[in-house]
Amino acid sequence: MDFCFFLIGFKEFNKPLDDVGQIPCYCSNCHNTSVFAIRTTNVVTLFFIPVLPFYRSKRLKCNICGASGDINNEVINRLKSGQPVAIG
């Protein structure tokens, strides 16, 4: 008997936005200032090896409760100028 076994999955990779910096922002979910701007890349994995990226976004993510929200260029410009924002 021959068996063919493929293990396919999905993984999310997060990396801080370098051009914004580490400005702590407010989380309206857990009420902490532990939200940071990140770049998220979702990929398809084959045997735990990243193979194909299929979605990229810039978002704010809370380090405590995990709440997140996408951000646009207006929010990024506010963060670059040093103004904290909140997850909506």
PDB file of N, CA and C in Angstrom:
ATOM      1  N   MET A   1       0.828  -1.177   0.000  1.00  0.00           N
ATOM      2  CA  MET A   1       0.000   0.000   0.000  1.00  0.00           C
ATOM      3  C   MET A   1       0.878   1.249   0.000  1.00  0.00           C
ATOM      4  N   ASP A   2       0.516   2.198  -0.830  1.00  0.00           N
ATOM      5  CA  ASP A   2       1.201   3.481  -0.856  1.00  0.00           C
ATOM      6  C   ASP A   2       0.307   4.520  -0.195  1.00  0.00           C
ATOM      7  N   PHE A   3       0.931   5.323   0.654  1.00  0.00           N
ATOM      8  CA  PHE A   3       0.212   6.405   1.306  1.00  0.00           C
ATOM      9  C   PHE A   3       0.809   7.733   0.888  1.00  0.00           C
ATOM     10  N   CYS A   4      -0.041   8.677   0.622  1.00  0.00           N
ATOM     11  CA  CYS A   4       0.400  10.027   0.283  1.00  0.00           C
ATOM     12  C   CYS A   4      -0.091  10.930   1.415  1.00  0.00           C
ATOM     13  N   PHE A   5       0.816  11.560   2.087  1.00  0.00           N
ATOM     14  CA  PHE A   5       0.478  12.358   3.261  1.00  0.00           C
ATOM     15  C   PHE A   5       1.012  13.770   3.083  1.00  0.00           C
ATOM     16  N   PHE A   6       0.125  14.749   3.018  1.00  0.00           N
ATOM     17  CA  PHE A   6       0.510  16.158   2.940  1.00  0.00           C
ATOM     18  C   PHE A   6      -0.082  16.886   4.130  1.00  0.00           C
ATOM     19  N   LEU A   7       0.716  17.689   4.750  1.00  0.00           N
ATOM     20  CA  LEU A   7       0.254  18.482   5.875  1.00  0.00           C
ATOM     21  C   LEU A   7       0.278  19.946   5.457  1.00  0.00           C
ATOM     22  N   ILE A   8      -0.894  20.485   5.160  1.00  0.00           N
ATOM     23  CA  ILE A   8      -1.025  21.865   4.695  1.00  0.00           C
ATOM     24  C   ILE A   8      -1.727  22.664   5.782  1.00  0.00           C
ATOM     25  N   GLY A   9      -1.249  23.883   6.014  1.00  0.00           N
ATOM     26  CA  GLY A   9      -1.856  24.721   7.025  1.00  0.00           C
ATOM     27  C   GLY A   9      -1.700  26.191   6.694  1.00  0.00           C
ATOM     28  N   PHE A  10      -2.051  27.034   7.649  1.00  0.00           N
ATOM     29  CA  PHE A  10      -1.960  28.479   7.513  1.00  0.00           C
ATOM     30  C   PHE A  10      -1.249  29.039   8.729  1.00  0.00           C
ATOM     31  N   LYS A  11      -0.456  30.072   8.536  1.00  0.00           N
ATOM     32  CA  LYS A  11       0.274  30.701   9.641  1.00  0.00           C
ATOM     33  C   LYS A  11       0.293  32.204   9.429  1.00  0.00           C
ATOM     34  N   GLU A  12       0.274  32.936  10.537  1.00  0.00           N
ATOM     35  CA  GLU A  12       0.341  34.392  10.497  1.00  0.00           C
ATOM     36  C   GLU A  12       1.678  34.844  11.068  1.00  0.00           C
ATOM     37  N   PHE A  13       2.393  35.667  10.313  1.00  0.00           N
ATOM     38  CA  PHE A  13       3.668  36.222  10.758  1.00  0.00           C
ATOM     39  C   PHE A  13       3.478  37.708  11.012  1.00  0.00           C
ATOM     40  N   ASN A  14       3.923  38.173  12.177  1.00  0.00           N
ATOM     41  CA  ASN A  14       3.806  39.579  12.557  1.00  0.00           C
ATOM     42  C   ASN A  14       5.187  40.184  12.724  1.00  0.00           C
ATOM     43  N   LYS A  15       5.323  41.430  12.249  1.00  0.00           N
ATOM     44  CA  LYS A  15       6.582  42.147  12.345  1.00  0.00           C
ATOM     45  C   LYS A  15       6.265  43.605  12.632  1.00  0.00           C
ATOM     46  N   PRO A  16       6.997  44.261  13.540  1.00  0.00           N
ATOM     47  CA  PRO A  16       6.713  45.674  13.819  1.00  0.00           C
ATOM     48  C   PRO A  16       6.900  46.535  12.573  1.00  0.00           C
ATOM     49  N   LEU A  17       6.087  47.574  12.462  1.00  0.00           N
ATOM     50  CA  LEU A  17       6.246  48.536  11.372  1.00  0.00           C
ATOM     51  C   LEU A  17       7.456  49.411  11.688  1.00  0.00           C
ATOM     52  N   ASP A  18       8.501  49.288  10.898  1.00  0.00           N
ATOM     53  CA  ASP A  18       9.742  50.006  11.178  1.00  0.00           C
ATOM     54  C   ASP A  18       9.603  51.510  11.007  1.00  0.00           C
ATOM     55  N   ASP A  19       8.832  51.959  10.026  1.00  0.00           N
ATOM     56  CA  ASP A  19       8.727  53.387   9.772  1.00  0.00           C
ATOM     57  C   ASP A  19       7.856  54.123  10.781  1.00  0.00           C
ATOM     58  N   VAL A  20       7.102  53.388  11.601  1.00  0.00           N
ATOM     59  CA  VAL A  20       6.222  54.009  12.601  1.00  0.00           C
ATOM     60  C   VAL A  20       6.904  54.111  13.958  1.00  0.00           C
ATOM     61  N   GLY A  21       7.653  53.099  14.348  1.00  0.00           N
ATOM     62  CA  GLY A  21       8.271  53.088  15.675  1.00  0.00           C
ATOM     63  C   GLY A  21       7.405  52.350  16.673  1.00  0.00           C
ATOM     64  N   GLN A  22       7.829  52.332  17.901  1.00  0.00           N
ATOM     65  CA  GLN A  22       7.123  51.617  18.965  1.00  0.00           C
ATOM     66  C   GLN A  22       6.328  52.594  19.824  1.00  0.00           C
ATOM     67  N   ILE A  23       5.252  53.112  19.277  1.00  0.00           N
ATOM     68  CA  ILE A  23       4.382  54.036  20.009  1.00  0.00           C
ATOM     69  C   ILE A  23       3.247  53.225  20.624  1.00  0.00           C
ATOM     70  N   PRO A  24       3.179  53.157  21.970  1.00  0.00           N
ATOM     71  CA  PRO A  24       2.084  52.407  22.589  1.00  0.00           C
ATOM     72  C   PRO A  24       0.765  53.139  22.401  1.00  0.00           C
ATOM     73  N   CYS A  25      -0.260  52.397  22.004  1.00  0.00           N
ATOM     74  CA  CYS A  25      -1.585  52.960  21.771  1.00  0.00           C
ATOM     75  C   CYS A  25      -2.593  52.291  22.697  1.00  0.00           C
ATOM     76  N   TYR A  26      -3.803  52.813  22.709  1.00  0.00           N
ATOM     77  CA  TYR A  26      -4.855  52.375  23.629  1.00  0.00           C
ATOM     78  C   TYR A  26      -5.695  51.254  23.019  1.00  0.00           C
ATOM     79  N   CYS A  27      -5.975  50.229  23.822  1.00  0.00           N
ATOM     80  CA  CYS A  27      -6.869  49.136  23.425  1.00  0.00           C
ATOM     81  C   CYS A  27      -8.234  49.374  24.067  1.00  0.00           C
ATOM     82  N   SER A  28      -9.260  49.520  23.231  1.00  0.00           N
ATOM     83  CA  SER A  28     -10.596  49.742  23.774  1.00  0.00           C
ATOM     84  C   SER A  28     -11.235  48.449  24.275  1.00  0.00           C
ATOM     85  N   ASN A  29     -10.595  47.309  24.044  1.00  0.00           N
ATOM     86  CA  ASN A  29     -11.118  46.030  24.510  1.00  0.00           C
ATOM     87  C   ASN A  29     -10.702  45.746  25.954  1.00  0.00           C
ATOM     88  N   CYS A  30      -9.387  45.838  26.246  1.00  0.00           N
ATOM     89  CA  CYS A  30      -8.907  45.526  27.600  1.00  0.00           C
ATOM     90  C   CYS A  30      -8.447  46.775  28.364  1.00  0.00           C
ATOM     91  N   HIS A  31      -8.541  47.950  27.743  1.00  0.00           N
ATOM     92  CA  HIS A  31      -8.248  49.243  28.374  1.00  0.00           C
ATOM     93  C   HIS A  31      -6.806  49.377  28.848  1.00  0.00           C
ATOM     94  N   ASN A  32      -5.867  48.827  28.085  1.00  0.00           N
ATOM     95  CA  ASN A  32      -4.445  48.971  28.376  1.00  0.00           C
ATOM     96  C   ASN A  32      -3.778  49.747  27.243  1.00  0.00           C
ATOM     97  N   THR A  33      -2.592  50.251  27.518  1.00  0.00           N
ATOM     98  CA  THR A  33      -1.817  50.911  26.466  1.00  0.00           C
ATOM     99  C   THR A  33      -0.724  49.958  25.999  1.00  0.00           C
ATOM    100  N   SER A  34      -1.151  48.869  25.415  1.00  0.00           N
ATOM    101  CA  SER A  34      -0.223  47.826  24.974  1.00  0.00           C
ATOM    102  C   SER A  34      -0.436  47.463  23.507  1.00  0.00           C
ATOM    103  N   VAL A  35      -0.920  48.422  22.733  1.00  0.00           N
ATOM    104  CA  VAL A  35      -1.206  48.200  21.319  1.00  0.00           C
ATOM    105  C   VAL A  35      -0.071  48.786  20.488  1.00  0.00           C
ATOM    106  N   PHE A  36       0.415  48.013  19.518  1.00  0.00           N
ATOM    107  CA  PHE A  36       1.504  48.455  18.661  1.00  0.00           C
ATOM    108  C   PHE A  36       1.162  48.191  17.202  1.00  0.00           C
ATOM    109  N   ALA A  37       1.755  48.975  16.311  1.00  0.00           N
ATOM    110  CA  ALA A  37       1.544  48.810  14.874  1.00  0.00           C
ATOM    111  C   ALA A  37       2.421  47.681  14.352  1.00  0.00           C
ATOM    112  N   ILE A  38       1.813  46.780  13.573  1.00  0.00           N
ATOM    113  CA  ILE A  38       2.543  45.640  13.019  1.00  0.00           C
ATOM    114  C   ILE A  38       2.185  45.455  11.541  1.00  0.00           C
ATOM    115  N   ARG A  39       3.038  44.715  10.846  1.00  0.00           N
ATOM    116  CA  ARG A  39       2.759  44.267   9.482  1.00  0.00           C
ATOM    117  C   ARG A  39       2.482  42.764   9.577  1.00  0.00           C
ATOM    118  N   THR A  40       1.325  42.343   9.091  1.00  0.00           N
ATOM    119  CA  THR A  40       0.904  40.952   9.169  1.00  0.00           C
ATOM    120  C   THR A  40       0.964  40.314   7.785  1.00  0.00           C
ATOM    121  N   THR A  41       1.546  39.125   7.725  1.00  0.00           N
ATOM    122  CA  THR A  41       1.575  38.343   6.497  1.00  0.00           C
ATOM    123  C   THR A  41       1.017  36.956   6.794  1.00  0.00           C
ATOM    124  N   ASN A  42      -0.041  36.580   6.099  1.00  0.00           N
ATOM    125  CA  ASN A  42      -0.604  35.234   6.226  1.00  0.00           C
ATOM    126  C   ASN A  42      -0.051  34.383   5.096  1.00  0.00           C
ATOM    127  N   VAL A  43       0.391  33.165   5.428  1.00  0.00           N
ATOM    128  CA  VAL A  43       0.997  32.283   4.424  1.00  0.00           C
ATOM    129  C   VAL A  43       0.403  30.882   4.517  1.00  0.00           C
ATOM    130  N   VAL A  44       0.456  30.183   3.399  1.00  0.00           N
ATOM    131  CA  VAL A  44       0.121  28.764   3.350  1.00  0.00           C
ATOM    132  C   VAL A  44       1.402  28.002   3.673  1.00  0.00           C
ATOM    133  N   THR A  45       1.295  26.996   4.539  1.00  0.00           N
ATOM    134  CA  THR A  45       2.470  26.210   4.919  1.00  0.00           C
ATOM    135  C   THR A  45       2.325  24.782   4.422  1.00  0.00           C
ATOM    136  N   LEU A  46       3.446  24.177   4.128  1.00  0.00           N
ATOM    137  CA  LEU A  46       3.506  22.778   3.740  1.00  0.00           C
ATOM    138  C   LEU A  46       4.530  22.117   4.641  1.00  0.00           C
ATOM    139  N   PHE A  47       4.085  21.196   5.477  1.00  0.00           N
ATOM    140  CA  PHE A  47       4.944  20.583   6.492  1.00  0.00           C
ATOM    141  C   PHE A  47       5.623  21.647   7.358  1.00  0.00           C
ATOM    142  N   PHE A  48       4.864  22.635   7.788  1.00  0.00           N
ATOM    143  CA  PHE A  48       5.310  23.714   8.673  1.00  0.00           C
ATOM    144  C   PHE A  48       6.313  24.658   8.018  1.00  0.00           C
ATOM    145  N   ILE A  49       6.497  24.577   6.712  1.00  0.00           N
ATOM    146  CA  ILE A  49       7.397  25.466   5.988  1.00  0.00           C
ATOM    147  C   ILE A  49       6.552  26.489   5.234  1.00  0.00           C
ATOM    148  N   PRO A  50       6.770  27.798   5.452  1.00  0.00           N
ATOM    149  CA  PRO A  50       5.995  28.807   4.723  1.00  0.00           C
ATOM    150  C   PRO A  50       6.260  28.697   3.215  1.00  0.00           C
ATOM    151  N   VAL A  51       5.180  28.608   2.440  1.00  0.00           N
ATOM    152  CA  VAL A  51       5.314  28.393   1.012  1.00  0.00           C
ATOM    153  C   VAL A  51       4.772  29.567   0.197  1.00  0.00           C
ATOM    154  N   LEU A  52       3.553  29.996   0.480  1.00  0.00           N
ATOM    155  CA  LEU A  52       2.875  30.959  -0.372  1.00  0.00           C
ATOM    156  C   LEU A  52       2.193  32.042   0.459  1.00  0.00           C
ATOM    157  N   PRO A  53       2.709  33.293   0.434  1.00  0.00           N
ATOM    158  CA  PRO A  53       1.995  34.366   1.126  1.00  0.00           C
ATOM    159  C   PRO A  53       0.736  34.731   0.342  1.00  0.00           C
ATOM    160  N   PHE A  54      -0.387  34.908   1.067  1.00  0.00           N
ATOM    161  CA  PHE A  54      -1.628  35.217   0.357  1.00  0.00           C
ATOM    162  C   PHE A  54      -2.332  36.457   0.873  1.00  0.00           C
ATOM    163  N   TYR A  55      -1.884  37.045   1.982  1.00  0.00           N
ATOM    164  CA  TYR A  55      -2.544  38.242   2.493  1.00  0.00           C
ATOM    165  C   TYR A  55      -1.558  39.042   3.328  1.00  0.00           C
ATOM    166  N   ARG A  56      -1.463  40.331   3.026  1.00  0.00           N
ATOM    167  CA  ARG A  56      -0.610  41.231   3.806  1.00  0.00           C
ATOM    168  C   ARG A  56      -1.449  42.410   4.248  1.00  0.00           C
ATOM    169  N   SER A  57      -1.211  42.859   5.482  1.00  0.00           N
ATOM    170  CA  SER A  57      -1.936  44.023   5.968  1.00  0.00           C
ATOM    171  C   SER A  57      -1.113  44.724   7.039  1.00  0.00           C
ATOM    172  N   LYS A  58      -1.486  45.973   7.300  1.00  0.00           N
ATOM    173  CA  LYS A  58      -0.914  46.746   8.403  1.00  0.00           C
ATOM    174  C   LYS A  58      -2.027  46.896   9.413  1.00  0.00           C
ATOM    175  N   ARG A  59      -1.692  46.628  10.671  1.00  0.00           N
ATOM    176  CA  ARG A  59      -2.731  46.668  11.692  1.00  0.00           C
ATOM    177  C   ARG A  59      -2.180  47.063  13.039  1.00  0.00           C
ATOM    178  N   LEU A  60      -3.078  47.375  13.949  1.00  0.00           N
ATOM    179  CA  LEU A  60      -2.752  47.582  15.354  1.00  0.00           C
ATOM    180  C   LEU A  60      -3.142  46.313  16.092  1.00  0.00           C
ATOM    181  N   LYS A  61      -2.261  45.829  16.969  1.00  0.00           N
ATOM    182  CA  LYS A  61      -2.561  44.601  17.711  1.00  0.00           C
ATOM    183  C   LYS A  61      -2.184  44.783  19.170  1.00  0.00           C
ATOM    184  N   CYS A  62      -3.084  44.349  20.063  1.00  0.00           N
ATOM    185  CA  CYS A  62      -2.859  44.424  21.504  1.00  0.00           C
ATOM    186  C   CYS A  62      -2.033  43.223  21.943  1.00  0.00           C
ATOM    187  N   ASN A  63      -0.979  43.477  22.704  1.00  0.00           N
ATOM    188  CA  ASN A  63      -0.123  42.394  23.196  1.00  0.00           C
ATOM    189  C   ASN A  63      -0.748  41.629  24.359  1.00  0.00           C
ATOM    190  N   ILE A  64      -1.774  42.177  24.989  1.00  0.00           N
ATOM    191  CA  ILE A  64      -2.376  41.533  26.153  1.00  0.00           C
ATOM    192  C   ILE A  64      -3.587  40.674  25.769  1.00  0.00           C
ATOM    193  N   CYS A  65      -4.581  41.278  25.104  1.00  0.00           N
ATOM    194  CA  CYS A  65      -5.807  40.526  24.804  1.00  0.00           C
ATOM    195  C   CYS A  65      -5.852  40.002  23.379  1.00  0.00           C
ATOM    196  N   GLY A  66      -4.965  40.474  22.500  1.00  0.00           N
ATOM    197  CA  GLY A  66      -4.927  39.982  21.125  1.00  0.00           C
ATOM    198  C   GLY A  66      -5.871  40.682  20.171  1.00  0.00           C
ATOM    199  N   ALA A  67      -6.601  41.696  20.638  1.00  0.00           N
ATOM    200  CA  ALA A  67      -7.497  42.429  19.743  1.00  0.00           C
ATOM    201  C   ALA A  67      -6.677  43.130  18.668  1.00  0.00           C
ATOM    202  N   SER A  68      -7.236  43.222  17.474  1.00  0.00           N
ATOM    203  CA  SER A  68      -6.508  43.870  16.394  1.00  0.00           C
ATOM    204  C   SER A  68      -7.475  44.561  15.451  1.00  0.00           C
ATOM    205  N   GLY A  69      -6.935  45.477  14.682  1.00  0.00           N
ATOM    206  CA  GLY A  69      -7.733  46.197  13.694  1.00  0.00           C
ATOM    207  C   GLY A  69      -6.836  46.746  12.607  1.00  0.00           C
ATOM    208  N   ASP A  70      -7.318  46.714  11.373  1.00  0.00           N
ATOM    209  CA  ASP A  70      -6.551  47.236  10.241  1.00  0.00           C
ATOM    210  C   ASP A  70      -6.415  48.746  10.353  1.00  0.00           C
ATOM    211  N   ILE A  71      -5.323  49.276   9.813  1.00  0.00           N
ATOM    212  CA  ILE A  71      -5.083  50.713   9.824  1.00  0.00           C
ATOM    213  C   ILE A  71      -4.874  51.194   8.394  1.00  0.00           C
ATOM    214  N   ASN A  72      -5.165  52.475   8.176  1.00  0.00           N
ATOM    215  CA  ASN A  72      -4.987  53.061   6.858  1.00  0.00           C
ATOM    216  C   ASN A  72      -3.840  54.078   6.901  1.00  0.00           C
ATOM    217  N   ASN A  73      -3.608  54.757   5.792  1.00  0.00           N
ATOM    218  CA  ASN A  73      -2.494  55.698   5.701  1.00  0.00           C
ATOM    219  C   ASN A  73      -2.643  56.884   6.639  1.00  0.00           C
ATOM    220  N   GLU A  74      -3.872  57.313   6.911  1.00  0.00           N
ATOM    221  CA  GLU A  74      -4.102  58.423   7.841  1.00  0.00           C
ATOM    222  C   GLU A  74      -3.615  58.062   9.251  1.00  0.00           C
ATOM    223  N   VAL A  75      -3.929  56.859   9.698  1.00  0.00           N
ATOM    224  CA  VAL A  75      -3.499  56.404  11.027  1.00  0.00           C
ATOM    225  C   VAL A  75      -1.980  56.256  11.066  1.00  0.00           C
ATOM    226  N   ILE A  76      -1.395  55.733  10.001  1.00  0.00           N
ATOM    227  CA  ILE A  76       0.060  55.582   9.948  1.00  0.00           C
ATOM    228  C   ILE A  76       0.745  56.942  10.035  1.00  0.00           C
ATOM    229  N   ASN A  77       0.215  57.951   9.343  1.00  0.00           N
ATOM    230  CA  ASN A  77       0.789  59.297   9.421  1.00  0.00           C
ATOM    231  C   ASN A  77       0.670  59.882  10.818  1.00  0.00           C
ATOM    232  N   ARG A  78      -0.437  59.618  11.515  1.00  0.00           N
ATOM    233  CA  ARG A  78      -0.586  60.087  12.902  1.00  0.00           C
ATOM    234  C   ARG A  78       0.444  59.414  13.802  1.00  0.00           C
ATOM    235  N   LEU A  79       0.668  58.116  13.598  1.00  0.00           N
ATOM    236  CA  LEU A  79       1.658  57.401  14.409  1.00  0.00           C
ATOM    237  C   LEU A  79       3.073  57.902  14.123  1.00  0.00           C
ATOM    238  N   LYS A  80       3.374  58.218  12.867  1.00  0.00           N
ATOM    239  CA  LYS A  80       4.696  58.736  12.514  1.00  0.00           C
ATOM    240  C   LYS A  80       4.971  60.075  13.176  1.00  0.00           C
ATOM    241  N   SER A  81       3.905  60.859  13.372  1.00  0.00           N
ATOM    242  CA  SER A  81       4.079  62.161  14.028  1.00  0.00           C
ATOM    243  C   SER A  81       4.084  62.045  15.544  1.00  0.00           C
ATOM    244  N   GLY A  82       3.939  60.824  16.081  1.00  0.00           N
ATOM    245  CA  GLY A  82       4.020  60.618  17.525  1.00  0.00           C
ATOM    246  C   GLY A  82       2.710  60.640  18.255  1.00  0.00           C
ATOM    247  N   GLN A  83       1.589  60.690  17.548  1.00  0.00           N
ATOM    248  CA  GLN A  83       0.272  60.729  18.184  1.00  0.00           C
ATOM    249  C   GLN A  83      -0.231  59.292  18.382  1.00  0.00           C
ATOM    250  N   PRO A  84      -0.549  58.890  19.594  1.00  0.00           N
ATOM    251  CA  PRO A  84      -1.113  57.556  19.809  1.00  0.00           C
ATOM    252  C   PRO A  84      -2.551  57.488  19.298  1.00  0.00           C
ATOM    253  N   VAL A  85      -2.973  56.337  18.885  1.00  0.00           N
ATOM    254  CA  VAL A  85      -4.346  56.104  18.423  1.00  0.00           C
ATOM    255  C   VAL A  85      -4.905  54.912  19.197  1.00  0.00           C
ATOM    256  N   ALA A  86      -6.152  54.571  18.925  1.00  0.00           N
ATOM    257  CA  ALA A  86      -6.796  53.450  19.633  1.00  0.00           C
ATOM    258  C   ALA A  86      -7.353  52.451  18.634  1.00  0.00           C
ATOM    259  N   ILE A  87      -7.440  51.203  19.064  1.00  0.00           N
ATOM    260  CA  ILE A  87      -8.120  50.184  18.243  1.00  0.00           C
ATOM    261  C   ILE A  87      -9.605  50.484  18.344  1.00  0.00           C
ATOM    262  N   GLY A  88     -10.268  50.542  17.200  1.00  0.00           N
ATOM    263  CA  GLY A  88     -11.687  50.891  17.163  1.00  0.00           C
ATOM    264  C   GLY A  88     -12.611  49.774  17.315  1.00  0.00           C
TER     265      GLY A  88
END
